[in-house]
Amino acid sequence: MSDVLIPGGRDVRGTLEEPTDEPRAIVVACPPHPQQGGSRSDERLRAVSGALSEVGIVCLRFDYGSWDEGYGEREDVRNAVRWAREEYNGGDDGLPVGLFGYSFGASLALLAAADTDPDAVAVLAPTARLAADLDALAALESLEAPVHVCYGERDATVDWEPIVERARERGDAVTALSGDHFFGGEHDEIAGAVGGFFERTLLESA
């Protein structure tokens, strides 16, 4: 693993976990709410990162810059995706880029995906809206890339129902987990579901 500084107007630092063999894709992983202890060291992000590494996918886990009500944080995600594309010669001629987020980070992943057009998006416990003009449900409507939504059936922390309902209507992949918002004891299931999704969607075109 190595530390990286994400270019942009904010202080955004990340940890890059690369597979032993030649990388075949890269996924940017967005942590939960920074004011509630969310960081790149989140156990759910680390579990997903480990699963991705095993199948040849690089994972960039990063910390947001200073708190900005979700707006600066959305730009942090956009900049991280841009960095991933540039660093790995992304786009049509380079490695495919995926976007993953948990909770607050899941909503930001959907919002940023609407602007950065990643090759696939997976979200865990997203909430439908962070603010009136930070509408993750509306962002989901605009996405053409493959999407996978994972949620906890006992999650009473975030408003995930509209996202799950719309994802099912769109024909997106949806995985129900038995846990609450924190998914205690379900990290392996999360890693398997998200890792398998990115393996199917990103490596088919790699």
N, C-alpha and C. Protein backbone atom coordinates (compact mmCIF):
# COMPACT_ATOMS: atom_id res chain seq x y z
N MET A 1 0.84 -1.20 0.00
CA MET A 1 0.00 0.00 0.00
C MET A 1 0.87 1.25 0.00
N SER A 2 0.36 2.30 -0.60
CA SER A 2 1.09 3.56 -0.65
C SER A 2 0.13 4.71 -0.44
N ASP A 3 0.66 5.83 0.05
CA ASP A 3 -0.14 7.03 0.28
C ASP A 3 -0.06 7.94 -0.93
N VAL A 4 -1.17 8.59 -1.26
CA VAL A 4 -1.20 9.50 -2.40
C VAL A 4 -1.90 10.79 -1.99
N LEU A 5 -1.55 11.86 -2.67
CA LEU A 5 -2.19 13.16 -2.50
C LEU A 5 -3.02 13.42 -3.75
N ILE A 6 -4.32 13.64 -3.57
CA ILE A 6 -5.20 13.86 -4.71
C ILE A 6 -5.16 15.32 -5.12
N PRO A 7 -4.79 15.63 -6.36
CA PRO A 7 -4.74 17.02 -6.80
C PRO A 7 -6.10 17.69 -6.76
N GLY A 8 -6.10 18.98 -6.46
CA GLY A 8 -7.34 19.75 -6.38
C GLY A 8 -7.16 20.88 -5.39
N GLY A 9 -8.22 21.61 -5.15
CA GLY A 9 -8.13 22.77 -4.28
C GLY A 9 -8.23 22.44 -2.80
N ARG A 10 -8.35 21.15 -2.43
CA ARG A 10 -8.51 20.75 -1.04
C ARG A 10 -7.46 19.72 -0.66
N ASP A 11 -7.22 19.57 0.62
CA ASP A 11 -6.23 18.61 1.10
C ASP A 11 -6.88 17.24 1.20
N VAL A 12 -6.70 16.43 0.18
CA VAL A 12 -7.33 15.12 0.10
C VAL A 12 -6.23 14.07 -0.07
N ARG A 13 -6.17 13.16 0.90
CA ARG A 13 -5.12 12.14 0.90
C ARG A 13 -5.74 10.75 0.88
N GLY A 14 -5.06 9.84 0.22
CA GLY A 14 -5.60 8.51 0.08
C GLY A 14 -4.58 7.41 0.27
N THR A 15 -5.09 6.20 0.37
CA THR A 15 -4.26 5.00 0.44
C THR A 15 -4.56 4.15 -0.78
N LEU A 16 -3.52 3.77 -1.47
CA LEU A 16 -3.66 2.99 -2.70
C LEU A 16 -3.24 1.55 -2.40
N GLU A 17 -4.16 0.63 -2.59
CA GLU A 17 -3.87 -0.79 -2.41
C GLU A 17 -3.86 -1.45 -3.77
N GLU A 18 -2.69 -1.96 -4.16
CA GLU A 18 -2.51 -2.53 -5.49
C GLU A 18 -2.33 -4.05 -5.41
N PRO A 19 -2.82 -4.76 -6.40
CA PRO A 19 -2.63 -6.22 -6.42
C PRO A 19 -1.18 -6.58 -6.69
N THR A 20 -0.85 -7.82 -6.40
CA THR A 20 0.52 -8.30 -6.63
C THR A 20 0.84 -8.32 -8.12
N ASP A 21 -0.11 -8.75 -8.92
CA ASP A 21 0.09 -8.82 -10.37
C ASP A 21 -0.28 -7.51 -11.03
N GLU A 22 -0.14 -7.46 -12.33
CA GLU A 22 -0.47 -6.26 -13.10
C GLU A 22 -1.93 -5.88 -12.86
N PRO A 23 -2.19 -4.60 -12.51
CA PRO A 23 -3.58 -4.20 -12.26
C PRO A 23 -4.43 -4.23 -13.51
N ARG A 24 -5.70 -4.58 -13.33
CA ARG A 24 -6.61 -4.70 -14.47
C ARG A 24 -7.73 -3.65 -14.45
N ALA A 25 -7.89 -2.98 -13.32
CA ALA A 25 -8.91 -1.93 -13.16
C ALA A 25 -8.60 -1.20 -11.87
N ILE A 26 -9.30 -0.09 -11.63
CA ILE A 26 -9.15 0.65 -10.38
C ILE A 26 -10.52 1.08 -9.88
N VAL A 27 -10.71 1.00 -8.56
CA VAL A 27 -11.95 1.44 -7.92
C VAL A 27 -11.62 2.51 -6.89
N VAL A 28 -12.36 3.60 -6.93
CA VAL A 28 -12.24 4.67 -5.94
C VAL A 28 -13.29 4.41 -4.86
N ALA A 29 -12.87 4.35 -3.60
CA ALA A 29 -13.75 4.01 -2.48
C ALA A 29 -13.96 5.23 -1.57
N CYS A 30 -15.24 5.61 -1.37
CA CYS A 30 -15.61 6.81 -0.63
C CYS A 30 -16.08 6.45 0.78
N PRO A 31 -15.46 7.02 1.81
CA PRO A 31 -15.80 6.66 3.18
C PRO A 31 -17.10 7.29 3.67
N PRO A 32 -17.58 6.82 4.82
CA PRO A 32 -18.79 7.41 5.40
C PRO A 32 -18.53 8.80 5.98
N HIS A 33 -19.50 9.34 6.68
CA HIS A 33 -19.51 10.74 7.13
C HIS A 33 -18.28 11.07 7.99
N PRO A 34 -17.49 12.05 7.56
CA PRO A 34 -16.26 12.36 8.31
C PRO A 34 -16.53 12.94 9.70
N GLN A 35 -17.69 13.56 9.89
CA GLN A 35 -18.00 14.11 11.21
C GLN A 35 -18.52 13.04 12.17
N GLN A 36 -18.68 11.83 11.66
CA GLN A 36 -19.11 10.71 12.49
C GLN A 36 -18.04 9.61 12.51
N GLY A 37 -16.81 10.02 12.27
CA GLY A 37 -15.69 9.10 12.33
C GLY A 37 -15.36 8.39 11.04
N GLY A 38 -16.03 8.72 9.96
CA GLY A 38 -15.75 8.07 8.69
C GLY A 38 -14.39 8.44 8.13
N SER A 39 -13.67 7.44 7.64
CA SER A 39 -12.35 7.69 7.07
C SER A 39 -12.00 6.57 6.11
N ARG A 40 -10.85 6.70 5.48
CA ARG A 40 -10.38 5.67 4.54
C ARG A 40 -10.05 4.36 5.26
N SER A 41 -9.97 4.40 6.59
CA SER A 41 -9.69 3.19 7.37
C SER A 41 -10.96 2.42 7.75
N ASP A 42 -12.11 2.88 7.27
CA ASP A 42 -13.37 2.20 7.57
C ASP A 42 -13.26 0.70 7.25
N GLU A 43 -13.77 -0.13 8.16
CA GLU A 43 -13.62 -1.58 8.00
C GLU A 43 -14.33 -2.12 6.77
N ARG A 44 -15.44 -1.53 6.40
CA ARG A 44 -16.16 -2.00 5.22
C ARG A 44 -15.38 -1.66 3.94
N LEU A 45 -14.77 -0.47 3.91
CA LEU A 45 -13.94 -0.10 2.76
C LEU A 45 -12.71 -1.00 2.67
N ARG A 46 -12.12 -1.30 3.82
CA ARG A 46 -10.93 -2.14 3.83
C ARG A 46 -11.26 -3.57 3.36
N ALA A 47 -12.43 -4.05 3.75
CA ALA A 47 -12.83 -5.40 3.32
C ALA A 47 -13.02 -5.45 1.81
N VAL A 48 -13.68 -4.44 1.26
CA VAL A 48 -13.88 -4.38 -0.19
C VAL A 48 -12.54 -4.25 -0.90
N SER A 49 -11.66 -3.40 -0.37
CA SER A 49 -10.35 -3.19 -0.97
C SER A 49 -9.56 -4.49 -1.05
N GLY A 50 -9.61 -5.28 0.03
CA GLY A 50 -8.91 -6.56 0.03
C GLY A 50 -9.45 -7.52 -1.01
N ALA A 51 -10.78 -7.56 -1.14
CA ALA A 51 -11.39 -8.44 -2.14
C ALA A 51 -11.02 -8.02 -3.55
N LEU A 52 -10.97 -6.73 -3.79
CA LEU A 52 -10.61 -6.23 -5.12
C LEU A 52 -9.17 -6.57 -5.46
N SER A 53 -8.29 -6.42 -4.49
CA SER A 53 -6.88 -6.72 -4.73
C SER A 53 -6.68 -8.17 -5.15
N GLU A 54 -7.47 -9.06 -4.58
CA GLU A 54 -7.33 -10.48 -4.89
C GLU A 54 -7.67 -10.81 -6.34
N VAL A 55 -8.48 -9.97 -6.99
CA VAL A 55 -8.86 -10.25 -8.37
C VAL A 55 -8.17 -9.29 -9.35
N GLY A 56 -7.17 -8.56 -8.88
CA GLY A 56 -6.39 -7.72 -9.79
C GLY A 56 -6.87 -6.30 -9.95
N ILE A 57 -7.68 -5.82 -8.99
CA ILE A 57 -8.22 -4.46 -9.08
C ILE A 57 -7.59 -3.58 -8.02
N VAL A 58 -7.04 -2.44 -8.44
CA VAL A 58 -6.50 -1.45 -7.51
C VAL A 58 -7.65 -0.78 -6.77
N CYS A 59 -7.43 -0.43 -5.50
CA CYS A 59 -8.44 0.34 -4.76
C CYS A 59 -7.80 1.57 -4.14
N LEU A 60 -8.41 2.71 -4.40
CA LEU A 60 -7.99 3.97 -3.78
C LEU A 60 -9.02 4.34 -2.72
N ARG A 61 -8.63 4.24 -1.46
CA ARG A 61 -9.45 4.71 -0.34
C ARG A 61 -8.92 6.08 0.08
N PHE A 62 -9.79 7.04 0.28
CA PHE A 62 -9.28 8.38 0.58
C PHE A 62 -10.09 9.06 1.69
N ASP A 63 -9.49 10.09 2.27
CA ASP A 63 -10.17 10.93 3.25
C ASP A 63 -10.58 12.23 2.57
N TYR A 64 -11.78 12.70 2.91
CA TYR A 64 -12.24 13.98 2.38
C TYR A 64 -11.41 15.13 2.94
N GLY A 65 -11.46 16.26 2.25
CA GLY A 65 -10.87 17.48 2.78
C GLY A 65 -11.72 18.04 3.92
N SER A 66 -11.48 19.26 4.30
CA SER A 66 -12.20 19.86 5.41
C SER A 66 -13.71 19.87 5.14
N TRP A 67 -14.50 19.75 6.20
CA TRP A 67 -15.94 19.60 6.09
C TRP A 67 -16.58 20.74 5.31
N ASP A 68 -17.43 20.39 4.33
CA ASP A 68 -18.06 21.40 3.47
C ASP A 68 -19.50 21.01 3.13
N GLU A 69 -20.21 20.43 4.08
CA GLU A 69 -21.64 20.14 3.93
C GLU A 69 -21.97 19.21 2.77
N GLY A 70 -21.00 18.47 2.28
CA GLY A 70 -21.22 17.55 1.18
C GLY A 70 -20.80 18.08 -0.18
N TYR A 71 -20.66 19.38 -0.29
CA TYR A 71 -20.34 19.97 -1.60
C TYR A 71 -18.86 19.80 -1.93
N GLY A 72 -18.00 20.21 -1.01
CA GLY A 72 -16.58 20.00 -1.23
C GLY A 72 -16.23 18.52 -1.29
N GLU A 73 -16.94 17.73 -0.49
CA GLU A 73 -16.70 16.29 -0.48
C GLU A 73 -17.06 15.66 -1.82
N ARG A 74 -18.13 16.14 -2.45
CA ARG A 74 -18.47 15.64 -3.80
C ARG A 74 -17.35 15.97 -4.77
N GLU A 75 -16.79 17.15 -4.66
CA GLU A 75 -15.67 17.52 -5.54
C GLU A 75 -14.44 16.66 -5.24
N ASP A 76 -14.26 16.28 -3.97
CA ASP A 76 -13.16 15.37 -3.64
C ASP A 76 -13.30 14.05 -4.39
N VAL A 77 -14.53 13.53 -4.44
CA VAL A 77 -14.76 12.27 -5.16
C VAL A 77 -14.48 12.46 -6.65
N ARG A 78 -14.98 13.55 -7.21
CA ARG A 78 -14.71 13.82 -8.63
C ARG A 78 -13.21 13.87 -8.90
N ASN A 79 -12.47 14.56 -8.05
CA ASN A 79 -11.03 14.68 -8.24
C ASN A 79 -10.33 13.34 -8.09
N ALA A 80 -10.83 12.51 -7.17
CA ALA A 80 -10.23 11.18 -7.00
C ALA A 80 -10.43 10.32 -8.24
N VAL A 81 -11.61 10.42 -8.84
CA VAL A 81 -11.87 9.67 -10.07
C VAL A 81 -10.98 10.19 -11.20
N ARG A 82 -10.86 11.49 -11.30
CA ARG A 82 -9.98 12.07 -12.34
C ARG A 82 -8.54 11.61 -12.14
N TRP A 83 -8.08 11.61 -10.89
CA TRP A 83 -6.72 11.16 -10.60
C TRP A 83 -6.54 9.71 -11.01
N ALA A 84 -7.52 8.88 -10.67
CA ALA A 84 -7.43 7.46 -11.01
C ALA A 84 -7.32 7.27 -12.52
N ARG A 85 -8.11 8.02 -13.26
CA ARG A 85 -8.06 7.91 -14.73
C ARG A 85 -6.70 8.34 -15.26
N GLU A 86 -6.19 9.43 -14.75
CA GLU A 86 -4.91 9.94 -15.24
C GLU A 86 -3.76 9.04 -14.81
N GLU A 87 -3.79 8.59 -13.58
CA GLU A 87 -2.69 7.78 -13.05
C GLU A 87 -2.59 6.44 -13.76
N TYR A 88 -3.73 5.87 -14.11
CA TYR A 88 -3.75 4.56 -14.76
C TYR A 88 -4.16 4.67 -16.23
N ASN A 89 -3.94 5.85 -16.79
CA ASN A 89 -4.22 6.06 -18.20
C ASN A 89 -5.63 5.58 -18.52
N GLY A 90 -6.59 6.05 -17.71
CA GLY A 90 -7.96 5.55 -17.80
C GLY A 90 -8.69 5.96 -19.05
N GLY A 91 -9.96 5.70 -19.06
CA GLY A 91 -10.78 5.99 -20.23
C GLY A 91 -10.74 4.83 -21.20
N ASP A 92 -10.98 5.14 -22.47
CA ASP A 92 -11.08 4.10 -23.49
C ASP A 92 -9.76 3.37 -23.71
N ASP A 93 -8.64 4.06 -23.45
CA ASP A 93 -7.34 3.47 -23.75
C ASP A 93 -6.64 2.91 -22.53
N GLY A 94 -7.25 2.99 -21.37
CA GLY A 94 -6.59 2.54 -20.16
C GLY A 94 -7.47 1.64 -19.33
N LEU A 95 -7.18 1.58 -18.05
CA LEU A 95 -7.92 0.70 -17.16
C LEU A 95 -9.31 1.26 -16.87
N PRO A 96 -10.31 0.39 -16.78
CA PRO A 96 -11.64 0.85 -16.39
C PRO A 96 -11.63 1.33 -14.94
N VAL A 97 -12.52 2.26 -14.65
CA VAL A 97 -12.58 2.89 -13.33
C VAL A 97 -13.96 2.66 -12.72
N GLY A 98 -13.97 2.15 -11.50
CA GLY A 98 -15.21 1.97 -10.76
C GLY A 98 -15.28 2.91 -9.58
N LEU A 99 -16.47 3.06 -9.02
CA LEU A 99 -16.70 3.97 -7.89
C LEU A 99 -17.53 3.23 -6.85
N PHE A 100 -17.05 3.25 -5.61
CA PHE A 100 -17.75 2.59 -4.50
C PHE A 100 -17.85 3.55 -3.32
N GLY A 101 -18.96 3.48 -2.59
CA GLY A 101 -19.09 4.29 -1.39
C GLY A 101 -20.00 3.64 -0.38
N TYR A 102 -19.78 4.01 0.88
CA TYR A 102 -20.58 3.50 1.98
C TYR A 102 -21.25 4.66 2.71
N SER A 103 -22.58 4.57 2.91
CA SER A 103 -23.36 5.54 3.68
C SER A 103 -23.26 6.93 3.02
N PHE A 104 -22.78 7.93 3.74
CA PHE A 104 -22.55 9.27 3.17
C PHE A 104 -21.73 9.15 1.88
N GLY A 105 -20.73 8.30 1.92
CA GLY A 105 -19.89 8.09 0.73
C GLY A 105 -20.62 7.43 -0.41
N ALA A 106 -21.64 6.62 -0.09
CA ALA A 106 -22.44 5.99 -1.15
C ALA A 106 -23.24 7.04 -1.91
N SER A 107 -23.84 7.97 -1.17
CA SER A 107 -24.60 9.04 -1.83
C SER A 107 -23.67 9.91 -2.66
N LEU A 108 -22.49 10.21 -2.11
CA LEU A 108 -21.52 11.01 -2.87
C LEU A 108 -21.05 10.27 -4.12
N ALA A 109 -20.91 8.95 -4.03
CA ALA A 109 -20.50 8.18 -5.20
C ALA A 109 -21.53 8.31 -6.32
N LEU A 110 -22.80 8.23 -5.98
CA LEU A 110 -23.85 8.40 -6.99
C LEU A 110 -23.82 9.81 -7.57
N LEU A 111 -23.67 10.81 -6.69
CA LEU A 111 -23.65 12.20 -7.16
C LEU A 111 -22.46 12.46 -8.07
N ALA A 112 -21.29 11.98 -7.68
CA ALA A 112 -20.09 12.21 -8.49
C ALA A 112 -20.12 11.40 -9.77
N ALA A 113 -20.73 10.22 -9.72
CA ALA A 113 -20.80 9.38 -10.92
C ALA A 113 -21.58 10.07 -12.03
N ALA A 114 -22.56 10.88 -11.66
CA ALA A 114 -23.36 11.58 -12.67
C ALA A 114 -22.50 12.55 -13.47
N ASP A 115 -21.38 12.98 -12.90
CA ASP A 115 -20.50 13.94 -13.57
C ASP A 115 -19.25 13.32 -14.16
N THR A 116 -18.80 12.19 -13.60
CA THR A 116 -17.51 11.63 -14.01
C THR A 116 -17.62 10.39 -14.87
N ASP A 117 -18.81 9.82 -15.00
CA ASP A 117 -19.08 8.70 -15.90
C ASP A 117 -18.13 7.53 -15.69
N PRO A 118 -18.11 6.95 -14.48
CA PRO A 118 -17.28 5.76 -14.26
C PRO A 118 -17.85 4.56 -15.02
N ASP A 119 -17.08 3.50 -15.06
CA ASP A 119 -17.50 2.30 -15.79
C ASP A 119 -18.46 1.43 -15.00
N ALA A 120 -18.50 1.58 -13.68
CA ALA A 120 -19.43 0.85 -12.83
C ALA A 120 -19.48 1.54 -11.48
N VAL A 121 -20.63 1.41 -10.79
CA VAL A 121 -20.82 2.06 -9.49
C VAL A 121 -21.47 1.07 -8.53
N ALA A 122 -20.88 0.91 -7.34
CA ALA A 122 -21.47 0.09 -6.28
C ALA A 122 -21.62 0.94 -5.04
N VAL A 123 -22.78 0.85 -4.39
CA VAL A 123 -23.01 1.65 -3.20
C VAL A 123 -23.57 0.78 -2.08
N LEU A 124 -23.16 1.08 -0.86
CA LEU A 124 -23.58 0.36 0.33
C LEU A 124 -24.28 1.32 1.27
N ALA A 125 -25.55 1.07 1.56
CA ALA A 125 -26.34 1.88 2.49
C ALA A 125 -26.40 3.36 2.09
N PRO A 126 -26.82 3.65 0.85
CA PRO A 126 -26.92 5.05 0.42
C PRO A 126 -28.16 5.71 1.01
N THR A 127 -28.10 7.00 1.21
CA THR A 127 -29.30 7.75 1.57
C THR A 127 -29.73 8.55 0.34
N ALA A 128 -31.02 8.76 0.19
CA ALA A 128 -31.56 9.31 -1.05
C ALA A 128 -31.13 10.75 -1.30
N ARG A 129 -30.90 11.52 -0.23
CA ARG A 129 -30.59 12.94 -0.43
C ARG A 129 -29.75 13.45 0.72
N LEU A 130 -28.69 14.19 0.39
CA LEU A 130 -27.86 14.83 1.41
C LEU A 130 -28.28 16.27 1.65
N ALA A 131 -28.85 16.90 0.63
CA ALA A 131 -29.37 18.27 0.68
C ALA A 131 -30.30 18.42 -0.50
N ALA A 132 -31.03 19.53 -0.53
CA ALA A 132 -31.99 19.74 -1.62
C ALA A 132 -31.32 19.63 -2.98
N ASP A 133 -30.10 20.13 -3.09
CA ASP A 133 -29.40 20.08 -4.37
C ASP A 133 -28.27 19.05 -4.36
N LEU A 134 -28.32 18.12 -3.42
CA LEU A 134 -27.43 16.96 -3.43
C LEU A 134 -28.31 15.71 -3.38
N ASP A 135 -29.01 15.49 -4.49
CA ASP A 135 -30.05 14.47 -4.60
C ASP A 135 -29.47 13.21 -5.24
N ALA A 136 -29.15 12.22 -4.42
CA ALA A 136 -28.55 10.99 -4.94
C ALA A 136 -29.53 10.18 -5.77
N LEU A 137 -30.81 10.25 -5.43
CA LEU A 137 -31.81 9.53 -6.21
C LEU A 137 -31.88 10.07 -7.63
N ALA A 138 -31.86 11.38 -7.78
CA ALA A 138 -31.87 11.99 -9.11
C ALA A 138 -30.60 11.62 -9.86
N ALA A 139 -29.48 11.58 -9.16
CA ALA A 139 -28.23 11.20 -9.81
C ALA A 139 -28.30 9.77 -10.32
N LEU A 140 -28.87 8.89 -9.53
CA LEU A 140 -29.03 7.49 -9.97
C LEU A 140 -29.82 7.42 -11.26
N GLU A 141 -30.85 8.23 -11.37
CA GLU A 141 -31.69 8.23 -12.58
C GLU A 141 -30.87 8.49 -13.84
N SER A 142 -29.80 9.27 -13.71
CA SER A 142 -29.04 9.69 -14.89
C SER A 142 -27.94 8.71 -15.29
N LEU A 143 -27.66 7.72 -14.46
CA LEU A 143 -26.51 6.86 -14.71
C LEU A 143 -26.81 5.80 -15.78
N GLU A 144 -25.85 5.60 -16.64
CA GLU A 144 -25.95 4.56 -17.67
C GLU A 144 -25.02 3.39 -17.37
N ALA A 145 -24.04 3.60 -16.50
CA ALA A 145 -23.11 2.53 -16.14
C ALA A 145 -23.82 1.49 -15.27
N PRO A 146 -23.31 0.27 -15.21
CA PRO A 146 -23.88 -0.73 -14.30
C PRO A 146 -23.83 -0.24 -12.85
N VAL A 147 -24.89 -0.50 -12.10
CA VAL A 147 -24.99 -0.05 -10.72
C VAL A 147 -25.36 -1.24 -9.83
N HIS A 148 -24.76 -1.30 -8.66
CA HIS A 148 -25.09 -2.32 -7.66
C HIS A 148 -25.39 -1.62 -6.35
N VAL A 149 -26.56 -1.84 -5.79
CA VAL A 149 -26.96 -1.24 -4.52
C VAL A 149 -27.06 -2.33 -3.46
N CYS A 150 -26.31 -2.18 -2.37
CA CYS A 150 -26.39 -3.08 -1.23
C CYS A 150 -27.00 -2.32 -0.05
N TYR A 151 -27.87 -2.97 0.70
CA TYR A 151 -28.50 -2.29 1.82
C TYR A 151 -28.78 -3.26 2.95
N GLY A 152 -28.93 -2.72 4.15
CA GLY A 152 -29.26 -3.53 5.31
C GLY A 152 -30.75 -3.52 5.57
N GLU A 153 -31.33 -4.67 5.69
CA GLU A 153 -32.78 -4.76 5.88
C GLU A 153 -33.23 -4.15 7.21
N ARG A 154 -32.31 -4.06 8.18
CA ARG A 154 -32.64 -3.47 9.47
C ARG A 154 -32.02 -2.08 9.64
N ASP A 155 -31.63 -1.47 8.54
CA ASP A 155 -31.00 -0.15 8.57
C ASP A 155 -32.06 0.93 8.78
N ALA A 156 -32.05 1.54 9.96
CA ALA A 156 -32.98 2.64 10.27
C ALA A 156 -32.24 3.97 10.34
N THR A 157 -31.00 4.01 9.88
CA THR A 157 -30.17 5.21 9.98
C THR A 157 -30.32 6.12 8.78
N VAL A 158 -30.41 5.54 7.59
CA VAL A 158 -30.49 6.35 6.37
C VAL A 158 -31.74 5.99 5.57
N ASP A 159 -32.12 6.88 4.68
CA ASP A 159 -33.31 6.70 3.84
C ASP A 159 -32.91 5.98 2.56
N TRP A 160 -32.71 4.65 2.68
CA TRP A 160 -32.25 3.87 1.54
C TRP A 160 -33.37 3.39 0.63
N GLU A 161 -34.59 3.36 1.14
CA GLU A 161 -35.69 2.73 0.39
C GLU A 161 -35.91 3.31 -1.01
N PRO A 162 -35.91 4.66 -1.20
CA PRO A 162 -36.13 5.18 -2.55
C PRO A 162 -35.04 4.76 -3.54
N ILE A 163 -33.79 4.68 -3.06
CA ILE A 163 -32.69 4.26 -3.93
C ILE A 163 -32.87 2.81 -4.35
N VAL A 164 -33.20 1.94 -3.39
CA VAL A 164 -33.37 0.52 -3.68
C VAL A 164 -34.55 0.30 -4.62
N GLU A 165 -35.64 1.00 -4.35
CA GLU A 165 -36.82 0.85 -5.20
C GLU A 165 -36.53 1.26 -6.64
N ARG A 166 -35.86 2.40 -6.80
CA ARG A 166 -35.56 2.87 -8.16
C ARG A 166 -34.54 1.97 -8.84
N ALA A 167 -33.57 1.48 -8.09
CA ALA A 167 -32.56 0.58 -8.67
C ALA A 167 -33.23 -0.68 -9.20
N ARG A 168 -34.18 -1.21 -8.44
CA ARG A 168 -34.90 -2.40 -8.91
C ARG A 168 -35.71 -2.10 -10.17
N GLU A 169 -36.34 -0.94 -10.20
CA GLU A 169 -37.11 -0.55 -11.38
C GLU A 169 -36.21 -0.42 -12.61
N ARG A 170 -34.99 0.05 -12.40
CA ARG A 170 -34.04 0.22 -13.50
C ARG A 170 -33.42 -1.10 -13.94
N GLY A 171 -33.56 -2.12 -13.13
CA GLY A 171 -32.92 -3.39 -13.42
C GLY A 171 -31.49 -3.47 -12.92
N ASP A 172 -31.12 -2.57 -12.01
CA ASP A 172 -29.78 -2.62 -11.42
C ASP A 172 -29.67 -3.80 -10.46
N ALA A 173 -28.45 -4.20 -10.18
CA ALA A 173 -28.22 -5.26 -9.20
C ALA A 173 -28.52 -4.73 -7.80
N VAL A 174 -29.22 -5.50 -7.00
CA VAL A 174 -29.56 -5.12 -5.63
C VAL A 174 -29.29 -6.31 -4.72
N THR A 175 -28.57 -6.05 -3.62
CA THR A 175 -28.28 -7.10 -2.64
C THR A 175 -28.79 -6.66 -1.28
N ALA A 176 -29.66 -7.48 -0.68
CA ALA A 176 -30.18 -7.23 0.66
C ALA A 176 -29.34 -7.99 1.67
N LEU A 177 -28.88 -7.28 2.70
CA LEU A 177 -28.13 -7.89 3.80
C LEU A 177 -28.99 -7.84 5.05
N SER A 178 -28.79 -8.74 5.96
CA SER A 178 -29.68 -8.85 7.11
C SER A 178 -29.40 -7.81 8.19
N GLY A 179 -28.28 -7.12 8.10
CA GLY A 179 -27.85 -6.25 9.18
C GLY A 179 -28.46 -4.87 9.21
N ASP A 180 -27.99 -4.08 10.20
CA ASP A 180 -28.39 -2.68 10.29
C ASP A 180 -27.40 -1.83 9.51
N HIS A 181 -27.32 -0.55 9.82
CA HIS A 181 -26.48 0.35 9.04
C HIS A 181 -24.99 0.05 9.14
N PHE A 182 -24.60 -0.65 10.20
CA PHE A 182 -23.17 -0.86 10.43
C PHE A 182 -22.70 -2.25 10.00
N PHE A 183 -23.62 -3.15 9.70
CA PHE A 183 -23.31 -4.44 9.08
C PHE A 183 -22.29 -5.24 9.90
N GLY A 184 -22.49 -5.28 11.22
CA GLY A 184 -21.58 -6.06 12.05
C GLY A 184 -21.59 -7.52 11.66
N GLY A 185 -20.41 -8.08 11.48
CA GLY A 185 -20.28 -9.48 11.11
C GLY A 185 -20.57 -9.79 9.66
N GLU A 186 -20.84 -8.76 8.85
CA GLU A 186 -21.19 -9.00 7.45
C GLU A 186 -20.16 -8.43 6.47
N HIS A 187 -18.98 -8.14 6.96
CA HIS A 187 -17.97 -7.54 6.08
C HIS A 187 -17.56 -8.47 4.95
N ASP A 188 -17.48 -9.77 5.23
CA ASP A 188 -17.12 -10.72 4.18
C ASP A 188 -18.20 -10.77 3.10
N GLU A 189 -19.48 -10.72 3.52
CA GLU A 189 -20.57 -10.72 2.54
C GLU A 189 -20.54 -9.47 1.69
N ILE A 190 -20.26 -8.34 2.31
CA ILE A 190 -20.16 -7.08 1.57
C ILE A 190 -19.02 -7.16 0.56
N ALA A 191 -17.85 -7.61 1.04
CA ALA A 191 -16.68 -7.70 0.16
C ALA A 191 -16.95 -8.63 -1.01
N GLY A 192 -17.63 -9.75 -0.74
CA GLY A 192 -17.93 -10.69 -1.81
C GLY A 192 -18.90 -10.13 -2.83
N ALA A 193 -19.94 -9.45 -2.35
CA ALA A 193 -20.94 -8.89 -3.26
C ALA A 193 -20.36 -7.76 -4.11
N VAL A 194 -19.67 -6.83 -3.46
CA VAL A 194 -19.12 -5.69 -4.18
C VAL A 194 -17.95 -6.11 -5.07
N GLY A 195 -17.08 -6.94 -4.51
CA GLY A 195 -15.94 -7.41 -5.31
C GLY A 195 -16.38 -8.20 -6.52
N GLY A 196 -17.38 -9.07 -6.33
CA GLY A 196 -17.89 -9.84 -7.46
C GLY A 196 -18.50 -8.96 -8.53
N PHE A 197 -19.22 -7.93 -8.11
CA PHE A 197 -19.82 -6.99 -9.07
C PHE A 197 -18.75 -6.31 -9.91
N PHE A 198 -17.73 -5.78 -9.25
CA PHE A 198 -16.68 -5.09 -10.01
C PHE A 198 -15.87 -6.06 -10.87
N GLU A 199 -15.68 -7.27 -10.41
CA GLU A 199 -14.99 -8.26 -11.22
C GLU A 199 -15.75 -8.52 -12.52
N ARG A 200 -17.08 -8.62 -12.40
CA ARG A 200 -17.90 -8.86 -13.60
C ARG A 200 -17.94 -7.64 -14.52
N THR A 201 -18.12 -6.47 -13.96
CA THR A 201 -18.39 -5.29 -14.78
C THR A 201 -17.13 -4.62 -15.30
N LEU A 202 -16.05 -4.64 -14.51
CA LEU A 202 -14.83 -3.95 -14.93
C LEU A 202 -13.86 -4.85 -15.69
N LEU A 203 -13.76 -6.09 -15.29
CA LEU A 203 -12.73 -6.94 -15.89
C LEU A 203 -13.16 -7.55 -17.21
N GLU A 204 -14.46 -7.56 -17.48
CA GLU A 204 -14.92 -8.06 -18.78
C GLU A 204 -14.39 -7.19 -19.91
N SER A 205 -14.20 -5.89 -19.61
CA SER A 205 -13.75 -4.96 -20.66
C SER A 205 -12.27 -4.62 -20.54
N ALA A 206 -11.61 -5.18 -19.51
CA ALA A 206 -10.20 -4.85 -19.29
C ALA A 206 -9.30 -5.57 -20.29
